[in-house]
Amino acid sequence: MTRRIIWMSITAIAALVLFYLSRFWIFSFWSREGLFGVSELRPQGGLLARWLRGTDFAPFELLIWVVGFFVILTWLEKAYGKINQRKK
């Protein structure tokens, strides 16, 4: 039961970080100076769009975000499966 709570927490944190990278972040929990004083971590989110601005990949920001979200959650699922395999 404890492992399940830990893995659910890890997955929720990963989803929250990926949500912050997307354009859908609507919260503003910290000041304009950035999280922990890092100006690149602005409170509006949308970091992926900012990183892709001026590149040929900018129109595909949402597609890149969805694929990255899927890949990271798949890796988490595989890690969970490998760590929690029952020895026969």
C-alpha atoms as a PDB file:
ATOM      1  CA  MET A   1       0.000   0.000   0.000  1.00  0.00           C
ATOM      2  CA  THR A   2       2.832   2.407   0.812  1.00  0.00           C
ATOM      3  CA  ARG A   3       4.515   1.712  -2.531  1.00  0.00           C
ATOM      4  CA  ARG A   4       1.299   2.479  -4.329  1.00  0.00           C
ATOM      5  CA  ILE A   5       0.979   5.841  -2.559  1.00  0.00           C
ATOM      6  CA  ILE A   6       4.603   6.686  -3.355  1.00  0.00           C
ATOM      7  CA  TRP A   7       4.194   5.830  -7.036  1.00  0.00           C
ATOM      8  CA  MET A   8       0.903   7.720  -7.268  1.00  0.00           C
ATOM      9  CA  SER A   9       2.665  10.739  -5.740  1.00  0.00           C
ATOM     10  CA  ILE A  10       5.560  10.460  -8.211  1.00  0.00           C
ATOM     11  CA  THR A  11       3.109  10.245 -11.104  1.00  0.00           C
ATOM     12  CA  ALA A  12       1.090  13.201  -9.840  1.00  0.00           C
ATOM     13  CA  ILE A  13       4.250  15.322  -9.469  1.00  0.00           C
ATOM     14  CA  ALA A  14       5.391  14.360 -12.977  1.00  0.00           C
ATOM     15  CA  ALA A  15       1.950  15.247 -14.367  1.00  0.00           C
ATOM     16  CA  LEU A  16       2.019  18.576 -12.524  1.00  0.00           C
ATOM     17  CA  VAL A  17       5.451  19.426 -13.959  1.00  0.00           C
ATOM     18  CA  LEU A  18       4.325  18.487 -17.458  1.00  0.00           C
ATOM     19  CA  PHE A  19       1.171  20.549 -16.980  1.00  0.00           C
ATOM     20  CA  TYR A  20       3.349  23.518 -15.994  1.00  0.00           C
ATOM     21  CA  LEU A  21       5.355  23.102 -19.202  1.00  0.00           C
ATOM     22  CA  SER A  22       2.186  23.284 -21.269  1.00  0.00           C
ATOM     23  CA  ARG A  23       0.201  26.292 -22.369  1.00  0.00           C
ATOM     24  CA  PHE A  24      -2.694  25.201 -20.138  1.00  0.00           C
ATOM     25  CA  TRP A  25      -1.152  26.307 -16.824  1.00  0.00           C
ATOM     26  CA  ILE A  26      -3.510  28.900 -15.317  1.00  0.00           C
ATOM     27  CA  PHE A  27      -2.157  29.206 -11.785  1.00  0.00           C
ATOM     28  CA  SER A  28       0.201  31.867 -10.498  1.00  0.00           C
ATOM     29  CA  PHE A  29       1.574  30.593  -7.193  1.00  0.00           C
ATOM     30  CA  TRP A  30       4.824  32.584  -7.125  1.00  0.00           C
ATOM     31  CA  SER A  31       6.019  36.060  -7.923  1.00  0.00           C
ATOM     32  CA  ARG A  32       7.108  37.441 -11.279  1.00  0.00           C
ATOM     33  CA  GLU A  33      10.789  37.007 -10.356  1.00  0.00           C
ATOM     34  CA  GLY A  34      10.348  33.276 -10.882  1.00  0.00           C
ATOM     35  CA  LEU A  35      10.261  30.195  -8.723  1.00  0.00           C
ATOM     36  CA  PHE A  36      13.144  30.211  -6.211  1.00  0.00           C
ATOM     37  CA  GLY A  37      14.452  33.362  -7.909  1.00  0.00           C
ATOM     38  CA  VAL A  38      15.009  31.603 -11.246  1.00  0.00           C
ATOM     39  CA  SER A  39      13.614  33.992 -13.846  1.00  0.00           C
ATOM     40  CA  GLU A  40      13.136  31.209 -16.422  1.00  0.00           C
ATOM     41  CA  LEU A  41      10.515  29.560 -14.172  1.00  0.00           C
ATOM     42  CA  ARG A  42       7.867  32.211 -14.591  1.00  0.00           C
ATOM     43  CA  PRO A  43       4.487  31.838 -12.900  1.00  0.00           C
ATOM     44  CA  GLN A  44       2.498  31.756 -16.159  1.00  0.00           C
ATOM     45  CA  GLY A  45       3.890  28.385 -17.272  1.00  0.00           C
ATOM     46  CA  GLY A  46       4.025  27.701 -21.001  1.00  0.00           C
ATOM     47  CA  LEU A  47       7.743  26.943 -20.974  1.00  0.00           C
ATOM     48  CA  LEU A  48       7.629  24.632 -23.968  1.00  0.00           C
ATOM     49  CA  ALA A  49       6.188  27.390 -26.167  1.00  0.00           C
ATOM     50  CA  ARG A  50       8.894  29.730 -24.930  1.00  0.00           C
ATOM     51  CA  TRP A  51      11.640  27.197 -25.665  1.00  0.00           C
ATOM     52  CA  LEU A  52      10.287  26.515 -29.161  1.00  0.00           C
ATOM     53  CA  ARG A  53       9.695  30.171 -30.067  1.00  0.00           C
ATOM     54  CA  GLY A  54      11.605  31.121 -33.199  1.00  0.00           C
ATOM     55  CA  THR A  55      12.215  27.520 -34.288  1.00  0.00           C
ATOM     56  CA  ASP A  56      10.601  25.465 -37.022  1.00  0.00           C
ATOM     57  CA  PHE A  57       8.945  23.337 -34.320  1.00  0.00           C
ATOM     58  CA  ALA A  58       6.891  26.169 -32.774  1.00  0.00           C
ATOM     59  CA  PRO A  59       3.662  25.277 -34.663  1.00  0.00           C
ATOM     60  CA  PHE A  60       3.885  21.743 -33.293  1.00  0.00           C
ATOM     61  CA  GLU A  61       4.138  22.722 -29.627  1.00  0.00           C
ATOM     62  CA  LEU A  62       0.950  20.947 -28.546  1.00  0.00           C
ATOM     63  CA  LEU A  63       1.841  17.775 -30.433  1.00  0.00           C
ATOM     64  CA  ILE A  64       5.337  17.744 -28.905  1.00  0.00           C
ATOM     65  CA  TRP A  65       3.839  18.259 -25.451  1.00  0.00           C
ATOM     66  CA  VAL A  66       1.335  15.400 -25.872  1.00  0.00           C
ATOM     67  CA  VAL A  67       3.998  12.989 -27.140  1.00  0.00           C
ATOM     68  CA  GLY A  68       6.353  13.969 -24.300  1.00  0.00           C
ATOM     69  CA  PHE A  69       3.562  13.533 -21.736  1.00  0.00           C
ATOM     70  CA  PHE A  70       2.765  10.075 -23.124  1.00  0.00           C
ATOM     71  CA  VAL A  71       6.435   9.026 -23.188  1.00  0.00           C
ATOM     72  CA  ILE A  72       7.158  10.166 -19.637  1.00  0.00           C
ATOM     73  CA  LEU A  73       4.067   8.485 -18.205  1.00  0.00           C
ATOM     74  CA  THR A  74       4.953   5.312 -20.129  1.00  0.00           C
ATOM     75  CA  TRP A  75       8.464   5.359 -18.610  1.00  0.00           C
ATOM     76  CA  LEU A  76       6.976   5.775 -15.160  1.00  0.00           C
ATOM     77  CA  GLU A  77       4.686   2.815 -15.760  1.00  0.00           C
ATOM     78  CA  LYS A  78       7.595   0.656 -16.948  1.00  0.00           C
ATOM     79  CA  ALA A  79       9.694   1.659 -13.946  1.00  0.00           C
ATOM     80  CA  TYR A  80       6.795   0.785 -11.654  1.00  0.00           C
ATOM     81  CA  GLY A  81       6.426  -2.591 -13.355  1.00  0.00           C
ATOM     82  CA  LYS A  82      10.133  -3.422 -13.100  1.00  0.00           C
ATOM     83  CA  ILE A  83      10.444  -2.390  -9.461  1.00  0.00           C
ATOM     84  CA  ASN A  84       7.265  -4.141  -8.341  1.00  0.00           C
ATOM     85  CA  GLN A  85       7.735  -7.423 -10.189  1.00  0.00           C
ATOM     86  CA  ARG A  86       6.975 -10.366  -8.000  1.00  0.00           C
ATOM     87  CA  LYS A  87       9.754 -12.890  -7.894  1.00  0.00           C
ATOM     88  CA  LYS A  88       8.462 -16.325  -8.785  1.00  0.00           C
END
